[in-house]
Amino acid sequence: MYSDKIEGLFGSLKISASGLAAQRRRLNNIAENLANINTTRTSEGGPYQRKITIITEINRKTRFWKSLAKARLEVTTPRIGHRGVESQGDERNFSGVQATDVRDGSPPILKYDPTHPDADQFGYVKMPNINIVKEMTNMITAQRAYEANVTVIKATKDMARKALEI
């Protein structure tokens, strides 16, 4: 019973730490998108393509998912790049989230600028399809999610400290 409490304590820290890493990666991609908002030529050829971060859970073997399976409800979630081995007997197998970088497949924006060195024969330049308002909004939500994970870690640390004082 005591080891379950300790495992739960460290499990919550592990989950929050994976959330911190995922949001940090998301913030890095947003910063890269903003830095390359006017990049018309890349090493791959063509304009810079916007990067987005997809955050998925690492494992679905939790009590919640098992209860849904018992109720015969079909729930699907996107899962990209599964890591780890699923345990058949453990109900507490949720181990956090993972971040995957994906290039946005949206077409570039055509901007008329015949003086630009990358302009085509009609004077149009292919610009990255990056909306600064959308990127700033995503940055704020990523920052808030990061702060929420920091708050969980601080609360967990405070609970552990109070438990040791008893």
Protein backbone atom coordinates (compact mmCIF):
# COMPACT_ATOMS: atom_id res chain seq x y z
CA MET A 1 0.00 0.00 0.00
CA TYR A 2 2.82 2.40 0.87
CA SER A 3 4.64 1.65 -2.40
CA ASP A 4 1.44 2.45 -4.35
CA LYS A 5 1.40 5.93 -2.79
CA ILE A 6 5.06 6.54 -3.65
CA GLU A 7 4.49 5.19 -7.16
CA GLY A 8 1.53 7.55 -7.54
CA LEU A 9 3.63 10.47 -6.34
CA PHE A 10 6.45 9.78 -8.77
CA GLY A 11 3.97 8.87 -11.50
CA SER A 12 2.37 12.30 -11.30
CA LEU A 13 5.82 13.90 -11.51
CA LYS A 14 6.65 11.76 -14.55
CA ILE A 15 3.40 12.71 -16.30
CA SER A 16 3.91 16.42 -15.60
CA ALA A 17 7.54 16.23 -16.74
CA SER A 18 6.46 14.69 -20.04
CA GLY A 19 3.92 17.50 -20.39
CA LEU A 20 6.66 20.07 -19.78
CA ALA A 21 8.85 18.49 -22.45
CA ALA A 22 5.99 18.37 -24.95
CA GLN A 23 5.03 22.01 -24.39
CA ARG A 24 8.67 23.09 -24.61
CA ARG A 25 8.94 21.34 -27.96
CA ARG A 26 5.72 23.00 -29.09
CA LEU A 27 7.06 26.42 -28.07
CA ASN A 28 10.32 25.74 -29.96
CA ASN A 29 8.38 24.91 -33.12
CA ILE A 30 6.27 28.05 -32.79
CA ALA A 31 9.42 30.14 -32.37
CA GLU A 32 10.94 28.47 -35.44
CA ASN A 33 7.77 29.18 -37.44
CA LEU A 34 7.85 32.85 -36.45
CA ALA A 35 11.56 33.13 -37.25
CA ASN A 36 10.99 31.71 -40.74
CA ILE A 37 7.85 33.64 -41.62
CA ASN A 38 9.60 35.24 -44.63
CA THR A 39 11.88 32.33 -45.65
CA THR A 40 11.26 31.62 -49.33
CA ARG A 41 14.19 29.27 -49.98
CA THR A 42 15.18 26.25 -47.88
CA SER A 43 17.71 23.46 -48.36
CA GLU A 44 14.84 21.11 -49.32
CA GLY A 45 13.71 23.59 -51.96
CA GLY A 46 10.75 25.92 -51.89
CA PRO A 47 9.51 28.03 -49.00
CA TYR A 48 9.71 27.07 -45.33
CA GLN A 49 6.91 24.75 -44.25
CA ARG A 50 5.23 25.44 -40.94
CA LYS A 51 5.89 22.88 -38.20
CA ILE A 52 3.17 21.79 -35.83
CA THR A 53 3.49 19.63 -32.74
CA ILE A 54 1.09 16.78 -32.16
CA ILE A 55 0.84 15.71 -28.53
CA THR A 56 -0.46 12.21 -27.82
CA GLU A 57 -0.59 10.01 -24.79
CA ILE A 58 2.04 7.32 -24.57
CA ASN A 59 -0.20 4.52 -23.34
CA ARG A 60 -3.95 3.97 -23.03
CA LYS A 61 -3.97 1.13 -20.50
CA THR A 62 -5.59 3.20 -17.77
CA ARG A 63 -8.65 2.49 -15.68
CA PHE A 64 -10.63 4.98 -17.75
CA TRP A 65 -9.87 3.21 -21.04
CA LYS A 66 -10.51 -0.22 -19.52
CA SER A 67 -13.89 0.91 -18.18
CA LEU A 68 -14.78 2.21 -21.64
CA ALA A 69 -13.79 -1.16 -23.10
CA LYS A 70 -15.97 -2.96 -20.55
CA ALA A 71 -18.89 -0.73 -21.46
CA ARG A 72 -18.17 -1.61 -25.12
CA LEU A 73 -17.73 1.99 -26.09
CA GLU A 74 -15.40 2.53 -28.98
CA VAL A 75 -13.10 5.49 -28.51
CA THR A 76 -10.37 6.39 -30.94
CA THR A 77 -7.57 8.85 -30.45
CA PRO A 78 -4.69 9.64 -32.79
CA ARG A 79 -1.54 7.80 -31.77
CA ILE A 80 1.71 8.62 -33.51
CA GLY A 81 4.99 6.94 -32.69
CA HIS A 82 3.97 4.64 -29.81
CA ARG A 83 6.83 3.96 -27.40
CA GLY A 84 7.04 1.27 -24.80
CA VAL A 85 5.40 -2.08 -24.26
CA GLU A 86 1.84 -2.26 -23.03
CA SER A 87 1.38 -4.36 -19.93
CA GLN A 88 -1.71 -6.54 -19.98
CA GLY A 89 -2.21 -6.72 -16.22
CA ASP A 90 -1.38 -3.23 -14.95
CA GLU A 91 -4.27 -0.78 -14.79
CA ARG A 92 -1.99 2.18 -13.96
CA ASN A 93 0.06 2.17 -17.11
CA PHE A 94 -0.48 5.75 -18.29
CA SER A 95 2.96 7.24 -18.45
CA GLY A 96 2.51 10.72 -19.89
CA VAL A 97 2.50 12.31 -23.29
CA GLN A 98 4.86 12.51 -26.23
CA ALA A 99 5.34 15.20 -28.84
CA THR A 100 5.77 14.55 -32.53
CA ASP A 101 6.78 17.20 -35.05
CA VAL A 102 4.80 17.27 -38.28
CA ARG A 103 5.17 19.56 -41.24
CA ASP A 104 1.99 21.39 -42.14
CA GLY A 105 1.00 20.31 -45.62
CA SER A 106 -0.81 23.52 -46.53
CA PRO A 107 0.19 25.14 -49.81
CA PRO A 108 2.35 28.28 -49.77
CA ILE A 109 0.89 31.74 -50.14
CA LEU A 110 1.54 33.49 -53.44
CA LYS A 111 2.64 37.09 -53.00
CA TYR A 112 3.16 39.44 -55.93
CA ASP A 113 6.68 40.90 -55.77
CA PRO A 114 8.47 40.93 -59.14
CA THR A 115 11.63 42.41 -57.55
CA HIS A 116 12.13 39.44 -55.22
CA PRO A 117 14.97 37.09 -56.28
CA ASP A 118 12.69 34.03 -55.85
CA ALA A 119 9.84 35.43 -57.97
CA ASP A 120 8.57 33.24 -60.78
CA GLN A 121 8.14 34.39 -64.37
CA PHE A 122 4.85 36.12 -63.47
CA GLY A 123 6.32 37.98 -60.48
CA TYR A 124 4.82 35.80 -57.72
CA VAL A 125 6.82 34.57 -54.74
CA LYS A 126 5.86 31.47 -52.76
CA MET A 127 5.75 32.49 -49.10
CA PRO A 128 5.33 30.19 -46.07
CA ASN A 129 1.73 29.72 -44.99
CA ILE A 130 2.27 31.09 -41.47
CA ASN A 131 -0.32 33.25 -39.76
CA ILE A 132 1.30 35.34 -37.02
CA VAL A 133 -1.97 35.66 -35.06
CA LYS A 134 -2.45 31.88 -35.04
CA GLU A 135 1.17 31.33 -33.98
CA MET A 136 0.91 33.86 -31.14
CA THR A 137 -2.36 32.26 -29.97
CA ASN A 138 -0.70 28.84 -30.01
CA MET A 139 2.24 30.29 -28.10
CA ILE A 140 -0.05 31.60 -25.35
CA THR A 141 -1.86 28.25 -24.99
CA ALA A 142 1.44 26.35 -24.91
CA GLN A 143 2.76 28.75 -22.27
CA ARG A 144 -0.35 28.26 -20.13
CA ALA A 145 -0.13 24.48 -20.44
CA TYR A 146 3.55 24.66 -19.46
CA GLU A 147 2.66 26.78 -16.41
CA ALA A 148 -0.10 24.30 -15.45
CA ASN A 149 2.41 21.44 -15.49
CA VAL A 150 4.84 23.47 -13.36
CA THR A 151 2.01 24.09 -10.88
CA VAL A 152 1.29 20.35 -10.67
CA ILE A 153 4.96 19.61 -10.02
CA LYS A 154 5.10 22.27 -7.28
CA ALA A 155 1.92 20.91 -5.67
CA THR A 156 3.26 17.35 -5.78
CA LYS A 157 6.53 18.50 -4.25
CA ASP A 158 4.64 20.34 -1.49
CA MET A 159 2.53 17.26 -0.74
CA ALA A 160 5.65 15.11 -0.49
CA ARG A 161 7.26 17.65 1.84
CA LYS A 162 4.16 17.75 4.07
CA ALA A 163 4.03 13.95 4.13
CA LEU A 164 7.65 13.82 5.29
CA GLU A 165 6.90 16.32 8.07
CA ILE A 166 4.27 13.99 9.53
